[in-house]
Every structure is written in structure tokens, then in C-alpha cells.
Amino acid sequence: MHRNAHPILSLNPLSTSLLLVVTLVTGMTQLALARQSDLAQAIDVRADKSEYDEKAGTQTLTGNVEISQGTMRITADSIAILLENNTLSEITGSGSPIRFEQENDAGELMRGEAKRIIYNAVSGTLILEGAATLRQPRQNLVSERITFDARTQKVSAEGGGETGRVSIQIQPPKPADTQ
């Protein structure tokens, strides 16, 4: 196979976990939720290299990693998936930066990026680290670290940008039609 070719990888037991990470990332606030129909779509994963270490329980994807499912797209330099007792334990992704986008049910595009993501399946937490941004219709969040707790449905952000502070921009509601 050509060195720059992107083989399609099958991660059947892991693909649901990857989608969970993306759904958590893109559905962090109540303003816009990920497109529900994407959940029924096949997941395609492409990378320059894939390595599975059965003894260690790790799947490592490196080089131009692309994950897609319906309207959801993730690009990363690398994704590492850790299994413990054949059960998902953690997914870690890194990039320059790692990027994701997905449409919500209204057809509006949500985008985000960070230098690293960490999803801990045991604790149910998702962390975006390093110049983390989340752009949704009518709301933008910028922080050095954004943490989402799936169990409590809480998002927290700390430090960020040039000022070391969290930055949130919320758009006002659209004016009502006056006819």
C-alpha cells in the first residue's frame, strides 16, 4: 500500500465509544445538540497507521487520523484507545490541533478544537486541553481546559487565552418578526 494511503479501519467494539466521545464534545451545552441521526450511521476511521496491542489492550491510530459518522468529522494526529478487561477505559487524542465538527438537528454547524482530548469511560469525564475552543450556534467558549462530566451533565472551564481567563461569547436572541 502506498505510504500516504489512508486505510479504512474497522473498530467495531470501539466505534461506539468514539461516537460517544464526539457526541459528548459536540453536545456540551443545551444550546445545540449533535444530530441524532448520526448515531445510526456507519463510522469510518482512516489513518496512515494502525497498531493493535492485544496484550496491552491498546489500539493506536497515527498519522492523519480521520473519523467520520454522518455529519460528524474528527481529525487528529493520533488517537489511542485503552481497553481494560476488554472494556473501554480511556480514549486519548492529540493533534495540532485535534478538530471536530458536526451538525445539530437544525443543520447548524458546531466546531471545536484542542491540542488534546481525554475521555475517561470509568469516570465519565471528557477533557479538552490546550487552547480548547467550542463554537456552537449563538455561543463560543474558549479556555485552556474544558471538562465535561457526563454523569452530572456539568461543564467547567479554567484558564485560557492570552489573559489566562475563560472567555464565553453568547449571541443575543434574534428579534421577533414584526409584521
N, C-alpha and C. Protein backbone atom coordinates (compact mmCIF):
# COMPACT_ATOMS: atom_id res chain seq x y z
N MET A 1 0.84 -1.17 0.00
CA MET A 1 0.00 0.00 0.00
C MET A 1 0.88 1.23 0.00
N HIS A 2 0.49 2.26 -0.70
CA HIS A 2 1.24 3.50 -0.77
C HIS A 2 1.36 4.10 0.62
N ARG A 3 2.50 4.68 0.92
CA ARG A 3 2.79 5.20 2.24
C ARG A 3 1.77 6.23 2.72
N ASN A 4 1.26 7.06 1.84
CA ASN A 4 0.32 8.10 2.24
C ASN A 4 -1.13 7.68 2.11
N ALA A 5 -1.36 6.43 1.75
CA ALA A 5 -2.74 5.95 1.63
C ALA A 5 -3.39 5.94 3.00
N HIS A 6 -4.71 6.08 3.02
CA HIS A 6 -5.47 6.09 4.26
C HIS A 6 -6.32 4.83 4.34
N PRO A 7 -5.79 3.76 4.93
CA PRO A 7 -6.60 2.55 5.00
C PRO A 7 -7.83 2.78 5.88
N ILE A 8 -8.94 2.17 5.50
CA ILE A 8 -10.14 2.23 6.31
C ILE A 8 -9.99 1.17 7.39
N LEU A 9 -10.21 1.58 8.64
CA LEU A 9 -10.01 0.68 9.77
C LEU A 9 -11.35 0.30 10.35
N SER A 10 -11.47 -0.92 10.78
CA SER A 10 -12.70 -1.37 11.41
C SER A 10 -12.46 -1.47 12.91
N LEU A 11 -13.20 -0.70 13.69
CA LEU A 11 -13.06 -0.72 15.14
C LEU A 11 -14.38 -1.12 15.77
N ASN A 12 -15.00 -2.16 15.28
CA ASN A 12 -16.35 -2.50 15.69
C ASN A 12 -16.61 -2.33 17.18
N PRO A 13 -15.84 -2.96 18.09
CA PRO A 13 -16.18 -2.79 19.50
C PRO A 13 -15.85 -1.39 20.02
N LEU A 14 -15.01 -0.66 19.31
CA LEU A 14 -14.59 0.65 19.79
C LEU A 14 -15.33 1.79 19.13
N SER A 15 -15.96 1.56 17.99
CA SER A 15 -16.56 2.65 17.25
C SER A 15 -17.67 3.35 18.03
N THR A 16 -18.43 2.62 18.80
CA THR A 16 -19.47 3.24 19.62
C THR A 16 -18.84 4.16 20.64
N SER A 17 -17.70 3.78 21.18
CA SER A 17 -17.02 4.61 22.16
C SER A 17 -16.50 5.89 21.53
N LEU A 18 -15.98 5.80 20.31
CA LEU A 18 -15.53 7.01 19.63
C LEU A 18 -16.69 7.95 19.40
N LEU A 19 -17.84 7.41 18.99
CA LEU A 19 -19.01 8.26 18.78
C LEU A 19 -19.43 8.91 20.09
N LEU A 20 -19.37 8.17 21.19
CA LEU A 20 -19.74 8.73 22.48
C LEU A 20 -18.88 9.94 22.80
N VAL A 21 -17.58 9.84 22.56
CA VAL A 21 -16.68 10.96 22.80
C VAL A 21 -17.11 12.16 21.98
N VAL A 22 -17.37 11.95 20.70
CA VAL A 22 -17.75 13.04 19.82
C VAL A 22 -19.08 13.63 20.24
N THR A 23 -20.04 12.79 20.57
CA THR A 23 -21.34 13.27 20.99
C THR A 23 -21.22 14.11 22.26
N LEU A 24 -20.37 13.68 23.19
CA LEU A 24 -20.16 14.45 24.40
C LEU A 24 -19.52 15.79 24.08
N VAL A 25 -18.52 15.77 23.22
CA VAL A 25 -17.83 17.01 22.87
C VAL A 25 -18.79 17.99 22.21
N THR A 26 -19.55 17.51 21.24
CA THR A 26 -20.38 18.42 20.48
C THR A 26 -21.70 18.74 21.15
N GLY A 27 -22.07 18.02 22.18
CA GLY A 27 -23.33 18.29 22.84
C GLY A 27 -23.15 18.85 24.23
N MET A 28 -22.08 19.62 24.46
CA MET A 28 -21.75 20.07 25.79
C MET A 28 -22.74 21.03 26.42
N THR A 29 -23.47 21.79 25.66
CA THR A 29 -24.41 22.72 26.26
C THR A 29 -25.80 22.42 25.76
N GLN A 30 -26.77 23.03 26.36
CA GLN A 30 -28.14 22.81 25.96
C GLN A 30 -28.51 23.61 24.72
N LEU A 31 -27.65 24.53 24.28
CA LEU A 31 -27.98 25.35 23.13
C LEU A 31 -28.12 24.55 21.85
N ALA A 32 -27.27 23.58 21.65
CA ALA A 32 -27.31 22.81 20.40
C ALA A 32 -26.82 21.40 20.67
N LEU A 33 -27.59 20.42 20.27
CA LEU A 33 -27.20 19.03 20.45
C LEU A 33 -26.80 18.43 19.12
N ALA A 34 -25.95 17.43 19.18
CA ALA A 34 -25.48 16.76 17.97
C ALA A 34 -26.65 16.13 17.22
N ARG A 35 -26.49 15.99 15.93
CA ARG A 35 -27.53 15.41 15.08
C ARG A 35 -27.77 13.97 15.50
N GLN A 36 -28.98 13.67 15.94
CA GLN A 36 -29.31 12.34 16.45
C GLN A 36 -29.23 11.27 15.37
N SER A 37 -29.53 11.61 14.11
CA SER A 37 -29.50 10.62 13.04
C SER A 37 -28.08 10.11 12.78
N ASP A 38 -27.06 10.86 13.22
CA ASP A 38 -25.68 10.40 13.04
C ASP A 38 -25.41 9.11 13.81
N LEU A 39 -26.13 8.91 14.90
CA LEU A 39 -25.91 7.72 15.73
C LEU A 39 -26.15 6.42 14.98
N ALA A 40 -27.00 6.46 13.96
CA ALA A 40 -27.34 5.24 13.20
C ALA A 40 -26.43 5.04 11.99
N GLN A 41 -25.51 5.96 11.75
CA GLN A 41 -24.64 5.88 10.58
C GLN A 41 -23.40 5.02 10.89
N ALA A 42 -22.82 4.45 9.84
CA ALA A 42 -21.57 3.71 9.99
C ALA A 42 -20.45 4.67 10.34
N ILE A 43 -19.48 4.20 11.10
CA ILE A 43 -18.32 5.01 11.47
C ILE A 43 -17.16 4.59 10.58
N ASP A 44 -16.55 5.56 9.91
CA ASP A 44 -15.37 5.32 9.08
C ASP A 44 -14.16 5.93 9.77
N VAL A 45 -13.10 5.14 9.90
CA VAL A 45 -11.86 5.60 10.51
C VAL A 45 -10.75 5.38 9.50
N ARG A 46 -9.95 6.42 9.27
CA ARG A 46 -8.81 6.33 8.36
C ARG A 46 -7.58 6.89 9.06
N ALA A 47 -6.45 6.28 8.80
CA ALA A 47 -5.19 6.74 9.38
C ALA A 47 -4.05 6.21 8.53
N ASP A 48 -2.89 6.84 8.68
CA ASP A 48 -1.72 6.33 7.98
C ASP A 48 -1.26 5.01 8.58
N LYS A 49 -1.51 4.84 9.90
CA LYS A 49 -1.03 3.64 10.57
C LYS A 49 -1.98 3.26 11.71
N SER A 50 -2.19 1.96 11.86
CA SER A 50 -2.98 1.43 12.97
C SER A 50 -2.20 0.31 13.60
N GLU A 51 -2.19 0.30 14.91
CA GLU A 51 -1.49 -0.77 15.63
C GLU A 51 -2.35 -1.20 16.81
N TYR A 52 -2.61 -2.50 16.88
CA TYR A 52 -3.38 -3.04 18.00
C TYR A 52 -2.48 -3.95 18.80
N ASP A 53 -2.36 -3.67 20.09
CA ASP A 53 -1.57 -4.48 21.01
C ASP A 53 -2.56 -5.22 21.91
N GLU A 54 -2.86 -6.47 21.55
CA GLU A 54 -3.87 -7.24 22.27
C GLU A 54 -3.48 -7.44 23.73
N LYS A 55 -2.21 -7.70 23.98
CA LYS A 55 -1.76 -7.93 25.35
C LYS A 55 -1.95 -6.69 26.22
N ALA A 56 -1.62 -5.53 25.68
CA ALA A 56 -1.76 -4.28 26.43
C ALA A 56 -3.19 -3.73 26.36
N GLY A 57 -3.96 -4.19 25.38
CA GLY A 57 -5.32 -3.71 25.23
C GLY A 57 -5.40 -2.31 24.66
N THR A 58 -4.47 -1.98 23.74
CA THR A 58 -4.46 -0.64 23.16
C THR A 58 -4.56 -0.68 21.65
N GLN A 59 -5.34 0.23 21.11
CA GLN A 59 -5.45 0.47 19.67
C GLN A 59 -4.89 1.86 19.46
N THR A 60 -3.86 1.98 18.63
CA THR A 60 -3.24 3.27 18.37
C THR A 60 -3.36 3.60 16.90
N LEU A 61 -3.93 4.74 16.59
CA LEU A 61 -4.07 5.24 15.23
C LEU A 61 -3.20 6.48 15.12
N THR A 62 -2.33 6.51 14.11
CA THR A 62 -1.44 7.66 13.96
C THR A 62 -1.39 8.13 12.51
N GLY A 63 -1.07 9.39 12.36
CA GLY A 63 -0.88 9.99 11.04
C GLY A 63 -2.17 10.29 10.32
N ASN A 64 -2.53 11.54 10.26
CA ASN A 64 -3.71 11.97 9.51
C ASN A 64 -4.95 11.17 9.87
N VAL A 65 -5.23 11.02 11.15
CA VAL A 65 -6.39 10.26 11.60
C VAL A 65 -7.65 11.04 11.25
N GLU A 66 -8.58 10.35 10.61
CA GLU A 66 -9.88 10.94 10.24
C GLU A 66 -10.97 9.98 10.68
N ILE A 67 -11.91 10.50 11.43
CA ILE A 67 -13.06 9.71 11.87
C ILE A 67 -14.30 10.44 11.39
N SER A 68 -15.22 9.70 10.78
CA SER A 68 -16.47 10.33 10.34
C SER A 68 -17.64 9.40 10.60
N GLN A 69 -18.76 10.03 10.89
CA GLN A 69 -20.02 9.31 11.08
C GLN A 69 -21.13 10.31 10.80
N GLY A 70 -21.84 10.10 9.70
CA GLY A 70 -22.87 11.06 9.33
C GLY A 70 -22.26 12.42 9.11
N THR A 71 -22.74 13.44 9.84
CA THR A 71 -22.22 14.79 9.69
C THR A 71 -21.02 15.06 10.60
N MET A 72 -20.67 14.11 11.47
CA MET A 72 -19.57 14.29 12.40
C MET A 72 -18.24 13.99 11.73
N ARG A 73 -17.25 14.86 11.97
CA ARG A 73 -15.89 14.67 11.47
C ARG A 73 -14.89 15.01 12.57
N ILE A 74 -13.88 14.13 12.74
CA ILE A 74 -12.77 14.40 13.67
C ILE A 74 -11.48 14.22 12.89
N THR A 75 -10.55 15.15 13.08
CA THR A 75 -9.21 14.97 12.52
C THR A 75 -8.22 15.11 13.67
N ALA A 76 -7.22 14.25 13.66
CA ALA A 76 -6.23 14.24 14.73
C ALA A 76 -4.91 13.72 14.20
N ASP A 77 -3.84 14.00 14.92
CA ASP A 77 -2.55 13.41 14.59
C ASP A 77 -2.51 11.98 15.09
N SER A 78 -3.12 11.75 16.27
CA SER A 78 -3.15 10.39 16.80
C SER A 78 -4.32 10.21 17.75
N ILE A 79 -4.79 8.97 17.83
CA ILE A 79 -5.85 8.56 18.75
C ILE A 79 -5.37 7.26 19.39
N ALA A 80 -5.45 7.19 20.71
CA ALA A 80 -5.10 5.97 21.43
C ALA A 80 -6.32 5.52 22.23
N ILE A 81 -6.65 4.25 22.12
CA ILE A 81 -7.82 3.69 22.80
C ILE A 81 -7.32 2.60 23.73
N LEU A 82 -7.66 2.72 25.01
CA LEU A 82 -7.22 1.76 26.02
C LEU A 82 -8.40 0.92 26.48
N LEU A 83 -8.22 -0.39 26.43
CA LEU A 83 -9.23 -1.32 26.93
C LEU A 83 -8.67 -1.98 28.19
N GLU A 84 -9.53 -2.15 29.19
CA GLU A 84 -9.16 -2.92 30.38
C GLU A 84 -10.21 -4.00 30.54
N ASN A 85 -9.79 -5.26 30.58
CA ASN A 85 -10.70 -6.41 30.63
C ASN A 85 -11.70 -6.37 29.48
N ASN A 86 -11.19 -6.05 28.27
CA ASN A 86 -11.98 -5.96 27.04
C ASN A 86 -13.11 -4.93 27.11
N THR A 87 -12.95 -3.96 27.99
CA THR A 87 -13.92 -2.88 28.14
C THR A 87 -13.20 -1.56 27.98
N LEU A 88 -13.86 -0.62 27.30
CA LEU A 88 -13.26 0.69 27.09
C LEU A 88 -12.91 1.33 28.42
N SER A 89 -11.68 1.82 28.53
CA SER A 89 -11.24 2.52 29.72
C SER A 89 -11.01 4.00 29.42
N GLU A 90 -10.24 4.26 28.33
CA GLU A 90 -9.89 5.65 28.04
C GLU A 90 -9.58 5.84 26.56
N ILE A 91 -9.95 7.01 26.05
CA ILE A 91 -9.58 7.41 24.70
C ILE A 91 -8.83 8.72 24.81
N THR A 92 -7.66 8.77 24.19
CA THR A 92 -6.85 9.98 24.20
C THR A 92 -6.54 10.35 22.76
N GLY A 93 -6.71 11.61 22.44
CA GLY A 93 -6.40 12.08 21.10
C GLY A 93 -5.54 13.32 21.18
N SER A 94 -4.64 13.48 20.21
CA SER A 94 -3.83 14.68 20.16
C SER A 94 -3.72 15.15 18.72
N GLY A 95 -3.43 16.42 18.59
CA GLY A 95 -3.32 16.99 17.26
C GLY A 95 -2.73 18.37 17.30
N SER A 96 -2.59 18.92 16.15
CA SER A 96 -2.01 20.26 16.03
C SER A 96 -2.98 21.20 15.36
N PRO A 97 -4.16 21.41 15.85
CA PRO A 97 -4.85 20.74 16.97
C PRO A 97 -5.71 19.59 16.49
N ILE A 98 -6.34 18.88 17.44
CA ILE A 98 -7.37 17.91 17.10
C ILE A 98 -8.64 18.73 16.85
N ARG A 99 -9.35 18.42 15.78
CA ARG A 99 -10.53 19.20 15.40
C ARG A 99 -11.74 18.29 15.26
N PHE A 100 -12.91 18.85 15.54
CA PHE A 100 -14.15 18.12 15.31
C PHE A 100 -15.21 19.10 14.84
N GLU A 101 -16.15 18.56 14.09
CA GLU A 101 -17.31 19.35 13.68
C GLU A 101 -18.48 18.40 13.49
N GLN A 102 -19.67 18.93 13.68
CA GLN A 102 -20.88 18.14 13.50
C GLN A 102 -22.06 19.10 13.40
N GLU A 103 -23.03 18.70 12.60
CA GLU A 103 -24.26 19.48 12.51
C GLU A 103 -25.20 19.07 13.63
N ASN A 104 -25.99 20.04 14.11
CA ASN A 104 -27.06 19.69 15.04
C ASN A 104 -28.30 19.37 14.23
N ASP A 105 -29.38 19.02 14.88
CA ASP A 105 -30.60 18.63 14.17
C ASP A 105 -31.19 19.77 13.35
N ALA A 106 -30.82 21.02 13.67
CA ALA A 106 -31.30 22.17 12.91
C ALA A 106 -30.42 22.45 11.69
N GLY A 107 -29.37 21.64 11.50
CA GLY A 107 -28.48 21.83 10.36
C GLY A 107 -27.40 22.88 10.61
N GLU A 108 -27.26 23.33 11.86
CA GLU A 108 -26.24 24.32 12.22
C GLU A 108 -24.95 23.59 12.57
N LEU A 109 -23.82 24.14 12.15
CA LEU A 109 -22.53 23.50 12.35
C LEU A 109 -21.93 23.88 13.70
N MET A 110 -21.49 22.86 14.44
CA MET A 110 -20.76 23.05 15.68
C MET A 110 -19.31 22.64 15.42
N ARG A 111 -18.37 23.41 15.95
CA ARG A 111 -16.95 23.12 15.75
C ARG A 111 -16.19 23.27 17.05
N GLY A 112 -15.13 22.49 17.16
CA GLY A 112 -14.28 22.62 18.33
C GLY A 112 -12.88 22.14 18.01
N GLU A 113 -11.96 22.54 18.87
CA GLU A 113 -10.59 22.07 18.71
C GLU A 113 -9.85 22.20 20.03
N ALA A 114 -8.81 21.41 20.15
CA ALA A 114 -7.92 21.43 21.31
C ALA A 114 -6.65 20.70 20.91
N LYS A 115 -5.61 20.86 21.68
CA LYS A 115 -4.38 20.14 21.40
C LYS A 115 -4.48 18.68 21.83
N ARG A 116 -5.42 18.42 22.79
CA ARG A 116 -5.54 17.06 23.31
C ARG A 116 -6.94 16.84 23.87
N ILE A 117 -7.48 15.65 23.68
CA ILE A 117 -8.72 15.27 24.34
C ILE A 117 -8.47 13.98 25.12
N ILE A 118 -9.14 13.88 26.25
CA ILE A 118 -9.03 12.69 27.08
C ILE A 118 -10.45 12.33 27.52
N TYR A 119 -10.89 11.12 27.17
CA TYR A 119 -12.19 10.64 27.63
C TYR A 119 -11.95 9.46 28.55
N ASN A 120 -12.37 9.58 29.80
CA ASN A 120 -12.25 8.51 30.77
C ASN A 120 -13.62 7.84 30.90
N ALA A 121 -13.75 6.64 30.38
CA ALA A 121 -15.04 5.95 30.38
C ALA A 121 -15.46 5.52 31.77
N VAL A 122 -14.50 5.31 32.65
CA VAL A 122 -14.81 4.88 34.01
C VAL A 122 -15.46 6.02 34.79
N SER A 123 -14.88 7.21 34.71
CA SER A 123 -15.42 8.36 35.45
C SER A 123 -16.47 9.12 34.66
N GLY A 124 -16.52 8.89 33.34
CA GLY A 124 -17.49 9.59 32.50
C GLY A 124 -17.12 11.03 32.23
N THR A 125 -15.82 11.33 32.26
CA THR A 125 -15.38 12.70 32.03
C THR A 125 -14.67 12.84 30.69
N LEU A 126 -14.88 13.98 30.07
CA LEU A 126 -14.21 14.35 28.83
C LEU A 126 -13.47 15.65 29.07
N ILE A 127 -12.17 15.67 28.73
CA ILE A 127 -11.36 16.85 28.94
C ILE A 127 -10.79 17.31 27.60
N LEU A 128 -10.96 18.59 27.29
CA LEU A 128 -10.32 19.23 26.16
C LEU A 128 -9.21 20.09 26.74
N GLU A 129 -7.97 19.85 26.31
CA GLU A 129 -6.84 20.58 26.89
C GLU A 129 -6.04 21.29 25.80
N GLY A 130 -5.51 22.43 26.17
CA GLY A 130 -4.61 23.16 25.29
C GLY A 130 -5.35 23.96 24.23
N ALA A 131 -5.51 25.24 24.46
CA ALA A 131 -6.18 26.13 23.51
C ALA A 131 -7.52 25.54 23.06
N ALA A 132 -8.33 25.13 24.02
CA ALA A 132 -9.61 24.48 23.72
C ALA A 132 -10.66 25.51 23.32
N THR A 133 -11.39 25.19 22.27
CA THR A 133 -12.50 26.05 21.84
C THR A 133 -13.70 25.18 21.51
N LEU A 134 -14.86 25.74 21.74
CA LEU A 134 -16.12 25.10 21.38
C LEU A 134 -17.00 26.19 20.79
N ARG A 135 -17.30 26.08 19.49
CA ARG A 135 -18.12 27.07 18.80
C ARG A 135 -19.42 26.42 18.38
N GLN A 136 -20.51 26.95 18.90
CA GLN A 136 -21.84 26.46 18.59
C GLN A 136 -22.67 27.65 18.12
N PRO A 137 -23.81 27.38 17.51
CA PRO A 137 -24.68 28.49 17.15
C PRO A 137 -25.00 29.32 18.40
N ARG A 138 -24.76 30.59 18.33
CA ARG A 138 -25.08 31.56 19.39
C ARG A 138 -24.20 31.46 20.63
N GLN A 139 -23.14 30.63 20.64
CA GLN A 139 -22.27 30.58 21.81
C GLN A 139 -20.88 30.08 21.44
N ASN A 140 -19.84 30.76 21.95
CA ASN A 140 -18.46 30.34 21.78
C ASN A 140 -17.80 30.28 23.15
N LEU A 141 -17.01 29.23 23.39
CA LEU A 141 -16.29 29.05 24.64
C LEU A 141 -14.82 28.81 24.31
N VAL A 142 -13.94 29.59 24.96
CA VAL A 142 -12.50 29.46 24.78
C VAL A 142 -11.88 29.31 26.16
N SER A 143 -11.03 28.31 26.31
CA SER A 143 -10.39 28.06 27.60
C SER A 143 -9.16 27.19 27.39
N GLU A 144 -8.28 27.19 28.35
CA GLU A 144 -7.13 26.30 28.27
C GLU A 144 -7.55 24.86 28.53
N ARG A 145 -8.60 24.71 29.35
CA ARG A 145 -9.07 23.35 29.71
C ARG A 145 -10.58 23.39 29.92
N ILE A 146 -11.28 22.53 29.18
CA ILE A 146 -12.73 22.40 29.31
C ILE A 146 -13.00 20.96 29.74
N THR A 147 -13.76 20.79 30.81
CA THR A 147 -14.08 19.47 31.33
C THR A 147 -15.60 19.27 31.31
N PHE A 148 -16.02 18.13 30.78
CA PHE A 148 -17.44 17.78 30.75
C PHE A 148 -17.62 16.49 31.53
N ASP A 149 -18.51 16.52 32.51
CA ASP A 149 -18.83 15.33 33.30
C ASP A 149 -20.16 14.79 32.80
N ALA A 150 -20.12 13.64 32.13
CA ALA A 150 -21.32 13.06 31.53
C ALA A 150 -22.34 12.63 32.59
N ARG A 151 -21.87 12.29 33.76
CA ARG A 151 -22.79 11.83 34.81
C ARG A 151 -23.60 12.97 35.40
N THR A 152 -22.95 14.10 35.63
CA THR A 152 -23.64 15.24 36.24
C THR A 152 -24.12 16.24 35.19
N GLN A 153 -23.70 16.06 33.92
CA GLN A 153 -24.05 16.98 32.83
C GLN A 153 -23.54 18.39 33.10
N LYS A 154 -22.35 18.49 33.72
CA LYS A 154 -21.76 19.80 34.03
C LYS A 154 -20.52 20.03 33.19
N VAL A 155 -20.38 21.27 32.75
CA VAL A 155 -19.21 21.71 32.00
C VAL A 155 -18.47 22.72 32.86
N SER A 156 -17.16 22.55 32.97
CA SER A 156 -16.36 23.55 33.66
C SER A 156 -15.19 23.93 32.77
N ALA A 157 -14.75 25.16 32.91
CA ALA A 157 -13.63 25.65 32.11
C ALA A 157 -12.70 26.43 33.02
N GLU A 158 -11.41 26.35 32.73
CA GLU A 158 -10.44 27.08 33.55
C GLU A 158 -9.29 27.57 32.69
N GLY A 159 -8.79 28.73 33.07
CA GLY A 159 -7.65 29.34 32.38
C GLY A 159 -7.82 29.37 30.89
N GLY A 160 -7.23 30.31 30.23
CA GLY A 160 -7.32 30.30 28.78
C GLY A 160 -6.94 31.59 28.14
N GLY A 161 -6.65 31.49 26.87
CA GLY A 161 -6.34 32.67 26.08
C GLY A 161 -5.13 33.42 26.59
N GLU A 162 -4.95 34.62 26.08
CA GLU A 162 -3.81 35.44 26.47
C GLU A 162 -3.93 35.95 27.89
N THR A 163 -5.14 36.05 28.40
CA THR A 163 -5.35 36.61 29.73
C THR A 163 -5.35 35.56 30.83
N GLY A 164 -5.36 34.27 30.47
CA GLY A 164 -5.43 33.22 31.47
C GLY A 164 -6.83 33.04 32.03
N ARG A 165 -7.80 33.60 31.32
CA ARG A 165 -9.18 33.54 31.79
C ARG A 165 -10.04 32.79 30.79
N VAL A 166 -11.21 32.36 31.22
CA VAL A 166 -12.19 31.72 30.37
C VAL A 166 -12.91 32.82 29.59
N SER A 167 -13.20 32.55 28.34
CA SER A 167 -13.91 33.51 27.51
C SER A 167 -15.15 32.85 26.93
N ILE A 168 -16.31 33.47 27.19
CA ILE A 168 -17.57 32.97 26.66
C ILE A 168 -18.25 34.12 25.92
N GLN A 169 -18.67 33.84 24.72
CA GLN A 169 -19.42 34.83 23.95
C GLN A 169 -20.78 34.24 23.62
N ILE A 170 -21.85 34.93 24.05
CA ILE A 170 -23.21 34.48 23.83
C ILE A 170 -23.91 35.50 22.95
N GLN A 171 -24.49 35.05 21.87
CA GLN A 171 -25.21 35.94 20.96
C GLN A 171 -26.61 36.21 21.51
N PRO A 172 -27.09 37.43 21.33
CA PRO A 172 -28.45 37.74 21.79
C PRO A 172 -29.48 37.00 20.94
N PRO A 173 -30.69 36.85 21.47
CA PRO A 173 -31.73 36.19 20.67
C PRO A 173 -32.06 37.03 19.44
N LYS A 174 -32.49 36.38 18.42
CA LYS A 174 -32.88 37.08 17.19
C LYS A 174 -34.17 37.85 17.49
N PRO A 175 -34.30 39.06 16.94
CA PRO A 175 -35.53 39.82 17.17
C PRO A 175 -36.73 39.10 16.55
N ALA A 176 -37.85 39.22 17.24
CA ALA A 176 -39.08 38.60 16.75
C ALA A 176 -39.54 39.33 15.50
N ASP A 177 -40.14 38.58 14.58
CA ASP A 177 -40.67 39.19 13.36
C ASP A 177 -41.82 40.12 13.73
N THR A 178 -41.76 41.31 13.23
CA THR A 178 -42.86 42.25 13.46
C THR A 178 -43.54 42.52 12.14
N GLN A 179 -44.70 41.97 11.99
CA GLN A 179 -45.44 42.14 10.74
C GLN A 179 -46.74 42.82 10.98
